[in-house]
Amino acid sequence: MNPQEIVQGQLEAYNARDVEAFMTFWADDARMYEHPSKLLASGASEIRERHVARFAEANLHGKLINRMVQGGWVIDQELVTRTFPEGPGTIEVIAIYEVGDGKIVNAWFVFGPKKLSLA
């Protein structure tokens, strides 16, 4: 698979809330960051743990708005629907993926403001 297919596969697994499928796209030593350098998860076990909780959200969905690909780099603009501690809503996310040897090896996320749904 090429980098775009790898990132698309993990997005589809994310939207299916399938942690087993999701983890097949991540390297064992992958890292996730809040851009530029705040470490969110280091290694497959921490990435899995982070997403088991996230995948419990019934309304979880990442909608792809735009994607750019250059070599082993994939940059996605997404609108993510979630259940935040404050309630349901959306957040814009820029996700920057570094892909190597057929897996995501690093990911950086730029988070926009949360927009809570009106009840």
PDB file of N, CA and C in Angstrom:
ATOM      1  N   MET A   1       0.842  -1.189   0.000  1.00  0.00           N
ATOM      2  CA  MET A   1       0.000   0.000   0.000  1.00  0.00           C
ATOM      3  C   MET A   1       0.882   1.246   0.000  1.00  0.00           C
ATOM      4  N   ASN A   2       0.410   2.275  -0.665  1.00  0.00           N
ATOM      5  CA  ASN A   2       1.136   3.540  -0.654  1.00  0.00           C
ATOM      6  C   ASN A   2       0.690   4.369   0.559  1.00  0.00           C
ATOM      7  N   PRO A   3       1.414   5.463   0.871  1.00  0.00           N
ATOM      8  CA  PRO A   3       1.079   6.254   2.066  1.00  0.00           C
ATOM      9  C   PRO A   3      -0.375   6.735   2.105  1.00  0.00           C
ATOM     10  N   GLN A   4      -0.910   7.152   0.963  1.00  0.00           N
ATOM     11  CA  GLN A   4      -2.300   7.617   0.941  1.00  0.00           C
ATOM     12  C   GLN A   4      -3.258   6.487   1.306  1.00  0.00           C
ATOM     13  N   GLU A   5      -3.021   5.293   0.799  1.00  0.00           N
ATOM     14  CA  GLU A   5      -3.880   4.146   1.109  1.00  0.00           C
ATOM     15  C   GLU A   5      -3.772   3.748   2.579  1.00  0.00           C
ATOM     16  N   ILE A   6      -2.588   3.858   3.143  1.00  0.00           N
ATOM     17  CA  ILE A   6      -2.391   3.539   4.558  1.00  0.00           C
ATOM     18  C   ILE A   6      -3.172   4.505   5.439  1.00  0.00           C
ATOM     19  N   VAL A   7      -3.056   5.801   5.151  1.00  0.00           N
ATOM     20  CA  VAL A   7      -3.772   6.797   5.951  1.00  0.00           C
ATOM     21  C   VAL A   7      -5.282   6.658   5.754  1.00  0.00           C
ATOM     22  N   GLN A   8      -5.721   6.382   4.535  1.00  0.00           N
ATOM     23  CA  GLN A   8      -7.149   6.175   4.295  1.00  0.00           C
ATOM     24  C   GLN A   8      -7.652   4.945   5.044  1.00  0.00           C
ATOM     25  N   GLY A   9      -6.859   3.890   5.066  1.00  0.00           N
ATOM     26  CA  GLY A   9      -7.243   2.678   5.789  1.00  0.00           C
ATOM     27  C   GLY A   9      -7.412   2.918   7.272  1.00  0.00           C
ATOM     28  N   GLN A  10      -6.497   3.697   7.865  1.00  0.00           N
ATOM     29  CA  GLN A  10      -6.637   3.971   9.298  1.00  0.00           C
ATOM     30  C   GLN A  10      -7.834   4.873   9.559  1.00  0.00           C
ATOM     31  N   LEU A  11      -8.160   5.790   8.639  1.00  0.00           N
ATOM     32  CA  LEU A  11      -9.348   6.632   8.809  1.00  0.00           C
ATOM     33  C   LEU A  11     -10.619   5.778   8.743  1.00  0.00           C
ATOM     34  N   GLU A  12     -10.661   4.846   7.817  1.00  0.00           N
ATOM     35  CA  GLU A  12     -11.830   3.969   7.714  1.00  0.00           C
ATOM     36  C   GLU A  12     -11.979   3.101   8.962  1.00  0.00           C
ATOM     37  N   ALA A  13     -10.870   2.587   9.488  1.00  0.00           N
ATOM     38  CA  ALA A  13     -10.921   1.796  10.728  1.00  0.00           C
ATOM     39  C   ALA A  13     -11.336   2.668  11.908  1.00  0.00           C
ATOM     40  N   TYR A  14     -10.871   3.928  11.936  1.00  0.00           N
ATOM     41  CA  TYR A  14     -11.258   4.896  12.968  1.00  0.00           C
ATOM     42  C   TYR A  14     -12.776   5.086  12.935  1.00  0.00           C
ATOM     43  N   ASN A  15     -13.308   5.323  11.743  1.00  0.00           N
ATOM     44  CA  ASN A  15     -14.749   5.554  11.621  1.00  0.00           C
ATOM     45  C   ASN A  15     -15.570   4.307  11.926  1.00  0.00           C
ATOM     46  N   ALA A  16     -15.002   3.135  11.714  1.00  0.00           N
ATOM     47  CA  ALA A  16     -15.667   1.876  12.072  1.00  0.00           C
ATOM     48  C   ALA A  16     -15.489   1.563  13.558  1.00  0.00           C
ATOM     49  N   ARG A  17     -14.661   2.354  14.235  1.00  0.00           N
ATOM     50  CA  ARG A  17     -14.322   2.165  15.653  1.00  0.00           C
ATOM     51  C   ARG A  17     -13.799   0.740  15.883  1.00  0.00           C
ATOM     52  N   ASP A  18     -12.940   0.304  14.955  1.00  0.00           N
ATOM     53  CA  ASP A  18     -12.351  -1.040  14.989  1.00  0.00           C
ATOM     54  C   ASP A  18     -10.879  -0.917  15.383  1.00  0.00           C
ATOM     55  N   VAL A  19     -10.595  -1.075  16.665  1.00  0.00           N
ATOM     56  CA  VAL A  19      -9.234  -0.851  17.153  1.00  0.00           C
ATOM     57  C   VAL A  19      -8.247  -1.848  16.558  1.00  0.00           C
ATOM     58  N   GLU A  20      -8.669  -3.080  16.325  1.00  0.00           N
ATOM     59  CA  GLU A  20      -7.749  -4.075  15.757  1.00  0.00           C
ATOM     60  C   GLU A  20      -7.328  -3.671  14.349  1.00  0.00           C
ATOM     61  N   ALA A  21      -8.282  -3.312  13.514  1.00  0.00           N
ATOM     62  CA  ALA A  21      -7.964  -2.870  12.155  1.00  0.00           C
ATOM     63  C   ALA A  21      -7.157  -1.575  12.191  1.00  0.00           C
ATOM     64  N   PHE A  22      -7.533  -0.644  13.052  1.00  0.00           N
ATOM     65  CA  PHE A  22      -6.841   0.642  13.180  1.00  0.00           C
ATOM     66  C   PHE A  22      -5.363   0.436  13.476  1.00  0.00           C
ATOM     67  N   MET A  23      -5.065  -0.459  14.397  1.00  0.00           N
ATOM     68  CA  MET A  23      -3.677  -0.656  14.826  1.00  0.00           C
ATOM     69  C   MET A  23      -2.804  -1.290  13.749  1.00  0.00           C
ATOM     70  N   THR A  24      -3.393  -1.952  12.759  1.00  0.00           N
ATOM     71  CA  THR A  24      -2.578  -2.560  11.700  1.00  0.00           C
ATOM     72  C   THR A  24      -1.871  -1.520  10.845  1.00  0.00           C
ATOM     73  N   PHE A  25      -2.307  -0.267  10.920  1.00  0.00           N
ATOM     74  CA  PHE A  25      -1.712   0.798  10.113  1.00  0.00           C
ATOM     75  C   PHE A  25      -0.612   1.566  10.845  1.00  0.00           C
ATOM     76  N   TRP A  26      -0.389   1.251  12.118  1.00  0.00           N
ATOM     77  CA  TRP A  26       0.579   1.978  12.945  1.00  0.00           C
ATOM     78  C   TRP A  26       1.796   1.110  13.244  1.00  0.00           C
ATOM     79  N   ALA A  27       2.988   1.702  13.157  1.00  0.00           N
ATOM     80  CA  ALA A  27       4.225   1.006  13.513  1.00  0.00           C
ATOM     81  C   ALA A  27       4.243   0.737  15.017  1.00  0.00           C
ATOM     82  N   ASP A  28       4.944  -0.312  15.429  1.00  0.00           N
ATOM     83  CA  ASP A  28       5.041  -0.654  16.854  1.00  0.00           C
ATOM     84  C   ASP A  28       5.616   0.486  17.685  1.00  0.00           C
ATOM     85  N   ASP A  29       6.516   1.271  17.095  1.00  0.00           N
ATOM     86  CA  ASP A  29       7.158   2.375  17.822  1.00  0.00           C
ATOM     87  C   ASP A  29       6.640   3.744  17.376  1.00  0.00           C
ATOM     88  N   ALA A  30       5.444   3.773  16.791  1.00  0.00           N
ATOM     89  CA  ALA A  30       4.861   5.031  16.319  1.00  0.00           C
ATOM     90  C   ALA A  30       4.624   5.988  17.481  1.00  0.00           C
ATOM     91  N   ARG A  31       4.590   7.266  17.140  1.00  0.00           N
ATOM     92  CA  ARG A  31       4.304   8.305  18.136  1.00  0.00           C
ATOM     93  C   ARG A  31       3.251   9.256  17.595  1.00  0.00           C
ATOM     94  N   MET A  32       2.430   9.766  18.527  1.00  0.00           N
ATOM     95  CA  MET A  32       1.421  10.776  18.219  1.00  0.00           C
ATOM     96  C   MET A  32       1.745  12.020  19.026  1.00  0.00           C
ATOM     97  N   TYR A  33       1.626  13.171  18.361  1.00  0.00           N
ATOM     98  CA  TYR A  33       1.925  14.442  19.003  1.00  0.00           C
ATOM     99  C   TYR A  33       0.794  15.436  18.771  1.00  0.00           C
ATOM    100  N   GLU A  34       0.595  16.321  19.743  1.00  0.00           N
ATOM    101  CA  GLU A  34      -0.129  17.554  19.465  1.00  0.00           C
ATOM    102  C   GLU A  34       0.934  18.495  18.939  1.00  0.00           C
ATOM    103  N   HIS A  35       0.752  18.988  17.735  1.00  0.00           N
ATOM    104  CA  HIS A  35       1.769  19.811  17.071  1.00  0.00           C
ATOM    105  C   HIS A  35       2.139  21.006  17.936  1.00  0.00           C
ATOM    106  N   PRO A  36       3.414  21.318  18.104  1.00  0.00           N
ATOM    107  CA  PRO A  36       4.524  20.711  17.381  1.00  0.00           C
ATOM    108  C   PRO A  36       5.203  19.540  18.103  1.00  0.00           C
ATOM    109  N   SER A  37       5.147  19.500  19.445  1.00  0.00           N
ATOM    110  CA  SER A  37       5.998  18.507  20.118  1.00  0.00           C
ATOM    111  C   SER A  37       5.420  17.906  21.399  1.00  0.00           C
ATOM    112  N   LYS A  38       4.140  18.146  21.693  1.00  0.00           N
ATOM    113  CA  LYS A  38       3.550  17.570  22.904  1.00  0.00           C
ATOM    114  C   LYS A  38       3.200  16.104  22.632  1.00  0.00           C
ATOM    115  N   LEU A  39       3.921  15.195  23.279  1.00  0.00           N
ATOM    116  CA  LEU A  39       3.716  13.763  23.062  1.00  0.00           C
ATOM    117  C   LEU A  39       2.369  13.328  23.643  1.00  0.00           C
ATOM    118  N   LEU A  40       1.530  12.718  22.804  1.00  0.00           N
ATOM    119  CA  LEU A  40       0.222  12.210  23.230  1.00  0.00           C
ATOM    120  C   LEU A  40       0.257  10.709  23.479  1.00  0.00           C
ATOM    121  N   ALA A  41       1.030   9.990  22.678  1.00  0.00           N
ATOM    122  CA  ALA A  41       1.135   8.532  22.814  1.00  0.00           C
ATOM    123  C   ALA A  41       2.430   8.077  22.162  1.00  0.00           C
ATOM    124  N   SER A  42       3.104   7.144  22.817  1.00  0.00           N
ATOM    125  CA  SER A  42       4.360   6.601  22.310  1.00  0.00           C
ATOM    126  C   SER A  42       4.269   5.078  22.280  1.00  0.00           C
ATOM    127  N   GLY A  43       4.319   4.518  21.091  1.00  0.00           N
ATOM    128  CA  GLY A  43       4.259   3.074  20.940  1.00  0.00           C
ATOM    129  C   GLY A  43       2.842   2.569  20.734  1.00  0.00           C
ATOM    130  N   ALA A  44       2.764   1.383  20.156  1.00  0.00           N
ATOM    131  CA  ALA A  44       1.466   0.805  19.799  1.00  0.00           C
ATOM    132  C   ALA A  44       0.543   0.628  20.995  1.00  0.00           C
ATOM    133  N   SER A  45       1.077   0.249  22.150  1.00  0.00           N
ATOM    134  CA  SER A  45       0.197   0.008  23.301  1.00  0.00           C
ATOM    135  C   SER A  45      -0.464   1.300  23.770  1.00  0.00           C
ATOM    136  N   GLU A  46       0.266   2.410  23.778  1.00  0.00           N
ATOM    137  CA  GLU A  46      -0.332   3.690  24.188  1.00  0.00           C
ATOM    138  C   GLU A  46      -1.318   4.202  23.143  1.00  0.00           C
ATOM    139  N   ILE A  47      -1.003   4.005  21.872  1.00  0.00           N
ATOM    140  CA  ILE A  47      -1.932   4.419  20.814  1.00  0.00           C
ATOM    141  C   ILE A  47      -3.221   3.606  20.914  1.00  0.00           C
ATOM    142  N   ARG A  48      -3.088   2.304  21.134  1.00  0.00           N
ATOM    143  CA  ARG A  48      -4.266   1.443  21.301  1.00  0.00           C
ATOM    144  C   ARG A  48      -5.107   1.909  22.490  1.00  0.00           C
ATOM    145  N   GLU A  49      -4.458   2.118  23.635  1.00  0.00           N
ATOM    146  CA  GLU A  49      -5.169   2.534  24.848  1.00  0.00           C
ATOM    147  C   GLU A  49      -5.930   3.832  24.620  1.00  0.00           C
ATOM    148  N   ARG A  50      -5.303   4.780  23.950  1.00  0.00           N
ATOM    149  CA  ARG A  50      -5.927   6.077  23.661  1.00  0.00           C
ATOM    150  C   ARG A  50      -7.183   5.889  22.806  1.00  0.00           C
ATOM    151  N   HIS A  51      -7.132   4.956  21.876  1.00  0.00           N
ATOM    152  CA  HIS A  51      -8.243   4.804  20.946  1.00  0.00           C
ATOM    153  C   HIS A  51      -9.334   3.859  21.431  1.00  0.00           C
ATOM    154  N   VAL A  52      -9.033   2.939  22.323  1.00  0.00           N
ATOM    155  CA  VAL A  52     -10.085   2.098  22.901  1.00  0.00           C
ATOM    156  C   VAL A  52     -11.135   2.995  23.559  1.00  0.00           C
ATOM    157  N   ALA A  53     -10.687   3.972  24.335  1.00  0.00           N
ATOM    158  CA  ALA A  53     -11.615   4.909  24.985  1.00  0.00           C
ATOM    159  C   ALA A  53     -12.341   5.763  23.950  1.00  0.00           C
ATOM    160  N   ARG A  54     -11.622   6.258  22.973  1.00  0.00           N
ATOM    161  CA  ARG A  54     -12.216   7.108  21.937  1.00  0.00           C
ATOM    162  C   ARG A  54     -13.264   6.343  21.144  1.00  0.00           C
ATOM    163  N   PHE A  55     -12.987   5.089  20.830  1.00  0.00           N
ATOM    164  CA  PHE A  55     -13.902   4.307  20.002  1.00  0.00           C
ATOM    165  C   PHE A  55     -15.179   3.925  20.741  1.00  0.00           C
ATOM    166  N   ALA A  56     -15.248   4.153  22.030  1.00  0.00           N
ATOM    167  CA  ALA A  56     -16.474   3.914  22.790  1.00  0.00           C
ATOM    168  C   ALA A  56     -17.517   5.002  22.530  1.00  0.00           C
ATOM    169  N   GLU A  57     -17.104   6.108  21.908  1.00  0.00           N
ATOM    170  CA  GLU A  57     -18.027   7.210  21.611  1.00  0.00           C
ATOM    171  C   GLU A  57     -18.897   6.823  20.412  1.00  0.00           C
ATOM    172  N   ALA A  58     -20.202   6.711  20.641  1.00  0.00           N
ATOM    173  CA  ALA A  58     -21.126   6.240  19.602  1.00  0.00           C
ATOM    174  C   ALA A  58     -21.188   7.166  18.391  1.00  0.00           C
ATOM    175  N   ASN A  59     -20.956   8.459  18.587  1.00  0.00           N
ATOM    176  CA  ASN A  59     -21.084   9.407  17.479  1.00  0.00           C
ATOM    177  C   ASN A  59     -19.749   9.736  16.820  1.00  0.00           C
ATOM    178  N   LEU A  60     -18.686   9.042  17.188  1.00  0.00           N
ATOM    179  CA  LEU A  60     -17.354   9.333  16.657  1.00  0.00           C
ATOM    180  C   LEU A  60     -17.317   9.171  15.141  1.00  0.00           C
ATOM    181  N   HIS A  61     -16.822  10.214  14.453  1.00  0.00           N
ATOM    182  CA  HIS A  61     -16.673  10.141  12.999  1.00  0.00           C
ATOM    183  C   HIS A  61     -15.700  11.214  12.540  1.00  0.00           C
ATOM    184  N   GLY A  62     -14.756  10.809  11.703  1.00  0.00           N
ATOM    185  CA  GLY A  62     -13.840  11.756  11.086  1.00  0.00           C
ATOM    186  C   GLY A  62     -14.214  11.953   9.628  1.00  0.00           C
ATOM    187  N   LYS A  63     -14.609  13.178   9.269  1.00  0.00           N
ATOM    188  CA  LYS A  63     -14.979  13.491   7.888  1.00  0.00           C
ATOM    189  C   LYS A  63     -13.787  14.154   7.209  1.00  0.00           C
ATOM    190  N   LEU A  64     -13.286  13.534   6.159  1.00  0.00           N
ATOM    191  CA  LEU A  64     -12.155  14.078   5.421  1.00  0.00           C
ATOM    192  C   LEU A  64     -12.615  15.273   4.597  1.00  0.00           C
ATOM    193  N   ILE A  65     -11.961  16.420   4.809  1.00  0.00           N
ATOM    194  CA  ILE A  65     -12.269  17.643   4.068  1.00  0.00           C
ATOM    195  C   ILE A  65     -11.286  17.819   2.912  1.00  0.00           C
ATOM    196  N   ASN A  66     -10.004  17.564   3.193  1.00  0.00           N
ATOM    197  CA  ASN A  66      -8.961  17.754   2.189  1.00  0.00           C
ATOM    198  C   ASN A  66      -7.781  16.849   2.522  1.00  0.00           C
ATOM    199  N   ARG A  67      -7.057  16.430   1.495  1.00  0.00           N
ATOM    200  CA  ARG A  67      -5.865  15.599   1.712  1.00  0.00           C
ATOM    201  C   ARG A  67      -4.778  16.033   0.731  1.00  0.00           C
ATOM    202  N   MET A  68      -3.556  16.114   1.248  1.00  0.00           N
ATOM    203  CA  MET A  68      -2.380  16.377   0.421  1.00  0.00           C
ATOM    204  C   MET A  68      -1.376  15.254   0.665  1.00  0.00           C
ATOM    205  N   VAL A  69      -0.683  14.839  -0.390  1.00  0.00           N
ATOM    206  CA  VAL A  69       0.295  13.757  -0.283  1.00  0.00           C
ATOM    207  C   VAL A  69       1.577  14.195  -0.973  1.00  0.00           C
ATOM    208  N   GLN A  70       2.694  13.997  -0.290  1.00  0.00           N
ATOM    209  CA  GLN A  70       4.013  14.250  -0.871  1.00  0.00           C
ATOM    210  C   GLN A  70       4.952  13.173  -0.358  1.00  0.00           C
ATOM    211  N   GLY A  71       5.305  12.241  -1.210  1.00  0.00           N
ATOM    212  CA  GLY A  71       6.186  11.152  -0.785  1.00  0.00           C
ATOM    213  C   GLY A  71       5.560  10.381   0.367  1.00  0.00           C
ATOM    214  N   GLY A  72       6.297  10.263   1.476  1.00  0.00           N
ATOM    215  CA  GLY A  72       5.813   9.547   2.653  1.00  0.00           C
ATOM    216  C   GLY A  72       5.017  10.404   3.615  1.00  0.00           C
ATOM    217  N   TRP A  73       4.612  11.585   3.194  1.00  0.00           N
ATOM    218  CA  TRP A  73       3.856  12.502   4.052  1.00  0.00           C
ATOM    219  C   TRP A  73       2.432  12.634   3.541  1.00  0.00           C
ATOM    220  N   VAL A  74       1.479  12.534   4.464  1.00  0.00           N
ATOM    221  CA  VAL A  74       0.064  12.719   4.140  1.00  0.00           C
ATOM    222  C   VAL A  74      -0.488  13.721   5.140  1.00  0.00           C
ATOM    223  N   ILE A  75      -1.142  14.765   4.627  1.00  0.00           N
ATOM    224  CA  ILE A  75      -1.732  15.793   5.485  1.00  0.00           C
ATOM    225  C   ILE A  75      -3.232  15.815   5.232  1.00  0.00           C
ATOM    226  N   ASP A  76      -3.993  15.558   6.284  1.00  0.00           N
ATOM    227  CA  ASP A  76      -5.452  15.543   6.203  1.00  0.00           C
ATOM    228  C   ASP A  76      -6.038  16.718   6.966  1.00  0.00           C
ATOM    229  N   GLN A  77      -7.069  17.313   6.394  1.00  0.00           N
ATOM    230  CA  GLN A  77      -7.924  18.257   7.105  1.00  0.00           C
ATOM    231  C   GLN A  77      -9.224  17.510   7.350  1.00  0.00           C
ATOM    232  N   GLU A  78      -9.621  17.431   8.608  1.00  0.00           N
ATOM    233  CA  GLU A  78     -10.805  16.653   8.969  1.00  0.00           C
ATOM    234  C   GLU A  78     -11.730  17.458   9.875  1.00  0.00           C
ATOM    235  N   LEU A  79     -12.994  17.114   9.831  1.00  0.00           N
ATOM    236  CA  LEU A  79     -13.972  17.585  10.800  1.00  0.00           C
ATOM    237  C   LEU A  79     -14.379  16.353  11.596  1.00  0.00           C
ATOM    238  N   VAL A  80     -14.032  16.344  12.877  1.00  0.00           N
ATOM    239  CA  VAL A  80     -14.254  15.175  13.722  1.00  0.00           C
ATOM    240  C   VAL A  80     -15.439  15.427  14.646  1.00  0.00           C
ATOM    241  N   THR A  81     -16.410  14.526  14.603  1.00  0.00           N
ATOM    242  CA  THR A  81     -17.555  14.554  15.514  1.00  0.00           C
ATOM    243  C   THR A  81     -17.211  13.667  16.693  1.00  0.00           C
ATOM    244  N   ARG A  82     -17.423  14.211  17.903  1.00  0.00           N
ATOM    245  CA  ARG A  82     -17.046  13.488  19.126  1.00  0.00           C
ATOM    246  C   ARG A  82     -18.040  13.785  20.233  1.00  0.00           C
ATOM    247  N   THR A  83     -17.897  13.030  21.317  1.00  0.00           N
ATOM    248  CA  THR A  83     -18.573  13.360  22.560  1.00  0.00           C
ATOM    249  C   THR A  83     -17.492  13.826  23.526  1.00  0.00           C
ATOM    250  N   PHE A  84     -17.430  15.133  23.729  1.00  0.00           N
ATOM    251  CA  PHE A  84     -16.458  15.730  24.644  1.00  0.00           C
ATOM    252  C   PHE A  84     -17.005  15.655  26.071  1.00  0.00           C
ATOM    253  N   PRO A  85     -16.170  15.866  27.082  1.00  0.00           N
ATOM    254  CA  PRO A  85     -16.684  15.905  28.460  1.00  0.00           C
ATOM    255  C   PRO A  85     -17.812  16.931  28.631  1.00  0.00           C
ATOM    256  N   GLU A  86     -17.761  18.015  27.823  1.00  0.00           N
ATOM    257  CA  GLU A  86     -18.783  19.067  27.906  1.00  0.00           C
ATOM    258  C   GLU A  86     -20.038  18.730  27.104  1.00  0.00           C
ATOM    259  N   GLY A  87     -19.974  17.680  26.281  1.00  0.00           N
ATOM    260  CA  GLY A  87     -21.117  17.290  25.467  1.00  0.00           C
ATOM    261  C   GLY A  87     -20.705  17.017  24.029  1.00  0.00           C
ATOM    262  N   PRO A  88     -21.671  16.639  23.179  1.00  0.00           N
ATOM    263  CA  PRO A  88     -21.356  16.319  21.792  1.00  0.00           C
ATOM    264  C   PRO A  88     -21.007  17.566  20.986  1.00  0.00           C
ATOM    265  N   GLY A  89     -20.166  17.366  19.976  1.00  0.00           N
ATOM    266  CA  GLY A  89     -19.783  18.485  19.127  1.00  0.00           C
ATOM    267  C   GLY A  89     -18.787  18.062  18.072  1.00  0.00           C
ATOM    268  N   THR A  90     -18.150  19.066  17.476  1.00  0.00           N
ATOM    269  CA  THR A  90     -17.164  18.818  16.428  1.00  0.00           C
ATOM    270  C   THR A  90     -15.889  19.591  16.720  1.00  0.00           C
ATOM    271  N   ILE A  91     -14.822  19.161  16.064  1.00  0.00           N
ATOM    272  CA  ILE A  91     -13.540  19.844  16.154  1.00  0.00           C
ATOM    273  C   ILE A  91     -12.837  19.678  14.813  1.00  0.00           C
ATOM    274  N   GLU A  92     -12.267  20.769  14.312  1.00  0.00           N
ATOM    275  CA  GLU A  92     -11.459  20.683  13.101  1.00  0.00           C
ATOM    276  C   GLU A  92     -10.070  20.227  13.494  1.00  0.00           C
ATOM    277  N   VAL A  93      -9.518  19.316  12.706  1.00  0.00           N
ATOM    278  CA  VAL A  93      -8.198  18.759  12.987  1.00  0.00           C
ATOM    279  C   VAL A  93      -7.386  18.736  11.699  1.00  0.00           C
ATOM    280  N   ILE A  94      -6.143  19.186  11.795  1.00  0.00           N
ATOM    281  CA  ILE A  94      -5.162  18.960  10.741  1.00  0.00           C
ATOM    282  C   ILE A  94      -4.288  17.822  11.244  1.00  0.00           C
ATOM    283  N   ALA A  95      -4.204  16.744  10.480  1.00  0.00           N
ATOM    284  CA  ALA A  95      -3.406  15.576  10.855  1.00  0.00           C
ATOM    285  C   ALA A  95      -2.269  15.427   9.852  1.00  0.00           C
ATOM    286  N   ILE A  96      -1.052  15.366  10.370  1.00  0.00           N
ATOM    287  CA  ILE A  96       0.144  15.243   9.537  1.00  0.00           C
ATOM    288  C   ILE A  96       0.751  13.872   9.831  1.00  0.00           C
ATOM    289  N   TYR A  97       0.726  13.001   8.844  1.00  0.00           N
ATOM    290  CA  TYR A  97       1.203  11.627   9.017  1.00  0.00           C
ATOM    291  C   TYR A  97       2.519  11.428   8.286  1.00  0.00           C
ATOM    292  N   GLU A  98       3.468  10.805   8.973  1.00  0.00           N
ATOM    293  CA  GLU A  98       4.711  10.362   8.351  1.00  0.00           C
ATOM    294  C   GLU A  98       4.619   8.844   8.209  1.00  0.00           C
ATOM    295  N   VAL A  99       4.722   8.364   6.970  1.00  0.00           N
ATOM    296  CA  VAL A  99       4.575   6.942   6.687  1.00  0.00           C
ATOM    297  C   VAL A  99       5.916   6.386   6.220  1.00  0.00           C
ATOM    298  N   GLY A 100       6.317   5.257   6.801  1.00  0.00           N
ATOM    299  CA  GLY A 100       7.549   4.586   6.398  1.00  0.00           C
ATOM    300  C   GLY A 100       7.411   3.087   6.554  1.00  0.00           C
ATOM    301  N   ASP A 101       7.969   2.336   5.642  1.00  0.00           N
ATOM    302  CA  ASP A 101       7.919   0.868   5.683  1.00  0.00           C
ATOM    303  C   ASP A 101       6.494   0.334   5.820  1.00  0.00           C
ATOM    304  N   GLY A 102       5.553   0.995   5.148  1.00  0.00           N
ATOM    305  CA  GLY A 102       4.181   0.504   5.115  1.00  0.00           C
ATOM    306  C   GLY A 102       3.344   0.761   6.350  1.00  0.00           C
ATOM    307  N   LYS A 103       3.823   1.636   7.248  1.00  0.00           N
ATOM    308  CA  LYS A 103       3.086   1.938   8.487  1.00  0.00           C
ATOM    309  C   LYS A 103       3.197   3.430   8.796  1.00  0.00           C
ATOM    310  N   ILE A 104       2.271   3.927   9.593  1.00  0.00           N
ATOM    311  CA  ILE A 104       2.384   5.292  10.116  1.00  0.00           C
ATOM    312  C   ILE A 104       3.408   5.251  11.240  1.00  0.00           C
ATOM    313  N   VAL A 105       4.455   6.084  11.120  1.00  0.00           N
ATOM    314  CA  VAL A 105       5.515   6.087  12.131  1.00  0.00           C
ATOM    315  C   VAL A 105       5.410   7.281  13.075  1.00  0.00           C
ATOM    316  N   ASN A 106       4.850   8.380  12.585  1.00  0.00           N
ATOM    317  CA  ASN A 106       4.625   9.563  13.419  1.00  0.00           C
ATOM    318  C   ASN A 106       3.372  10.269  12.934  1.00  0.00           C
ATOM    319  N   ALA A 107       2.679  10.921  13.860  1.00  0.00           N
ATOM    320  CA  ALA A 107       1.527  11.741  13.500  1.00  0.00           C
ATOM    321  C   ALA A 107       1.500  12.965  14.401  1.00  0.00           C
ATOM    322  N   TRP A 108       1.235  14.110  13.789  1.00  0.00           N
ATOM    323  CA  TRP A 108       1.094  15.364  14.521  1.00  0.00           C
ATOM    324  C   TRP A 108      -0.310  15.889  14.255  1.00  0.00           C
ATOM    325  N   PHE A 109      -0.952  16.407  15.299  1.00  0.00           N
ATOM    326  CA  PHE A 109      -2.312  16.912  15.180  1.00  0.00           C
ATOM    327  C   PHE A 109      -2.365  18.372  15.602  1.00  0.00           C
ATOM    328  N   VAL A 110      -3.026  19.180  14.775  1.00  0.00           N
ATOM    329  CA  VAL A 110      -3.300  20.578  15.085  1.00  0.00           C
ATOM    330  C   VAL A 110      -4.806  20.654  15.307  1.00  0.00           C
ATOM    331  N   PHE A 111      -5.198  20.980  16.536  1.00  0.00           N
ATOM    332  CA  PHE A 111      -6.612  20.985  16.908  1.00  0.00           C
ATOM    333  C   PHE A 111      -7.189  22.391  16.851  1.00  0.00           C
ATOM    334  N   GLY A 112      -8.341  22.523  16.198  1.00  0.00           N
ATOM    335  CA  GLY A 112      -9.077  23.771  16.221  1.00  0.00           C
ATOM    336  C   GLY A 112      -9.927  23.830  17.477  1.00  0.00           C
ATOM    337  N   PRO A 113     -10.732  24.878  17.615  1.00  0.00           N
ATOM    338  CA  PRO A 113     -11.602  24.972  18.793  1.00  0.00           C
ATOM    339  C   PRO A 113     -12.751  23.965  18.717  1.00  0.00           C
ATOM    340  N   LYS A 114     -13.167  23.498  19.885  1.00  0.00           N
ATOM    341  CA  LYS A 114     -14.340  22.624  19.964  1.00  0.00           C
ATOM    342  C   LYS A 114     -15.583  23.455  19.673  1.00  0.00           C
ATOM    343  N   LYS A 115     -16.512  22.861  18.944  1.00  0.00           N
ATOM    344  CA  LYS A 115     -17.807  23.492  18.694  1.00  0.00           C
ATOM    345  C   LYS A 115     -18.867  22.536  19.214  1.00  0.00           C
ATOM    346  N   LEU A 116     -19.456  22.878  20.348  1.00  0.00           N
ATOM    347  CA  LEU A 116     -20.459  22.007  20.957  1.00  0.00           C
ATOM    348  C   LEU A 116     -21.787  22.128  20.226  1.00  0.00           C
ATOM    349  N   SER A 117     -22.494  21.009  20.106  1.00  0.00           N
ATOM    350  CA  SER A 117     -23.809  20.990  19.471  1.00  0.00           C
ATOM    351  C   SER A 117     -24.818  21.653  20.391  1.00  0.00           C
ATOM    352  N   LEU A 118     -25.765  22.350  19.797  1.00  0.00           N
ATOM    353  CA  LEU A 118     -26.823  22.965  20.595  1.00  0.00           C
ATOM    354  C   LEU A 118     -27.853  21.910  20.945  1.00  0.00           C
ATOM    355  N   ALA A 119     -28.271  21.899  22.194  1.00  0.00           N
ATOM    356  CA  ALA A 119     -29.258  20.899  22.641  1.00  0.00           C
ATOM    357  C   ALA A 119     -30.657  21.343  22.309  1.00  0.00           C
TER     358      ALA A 119
END
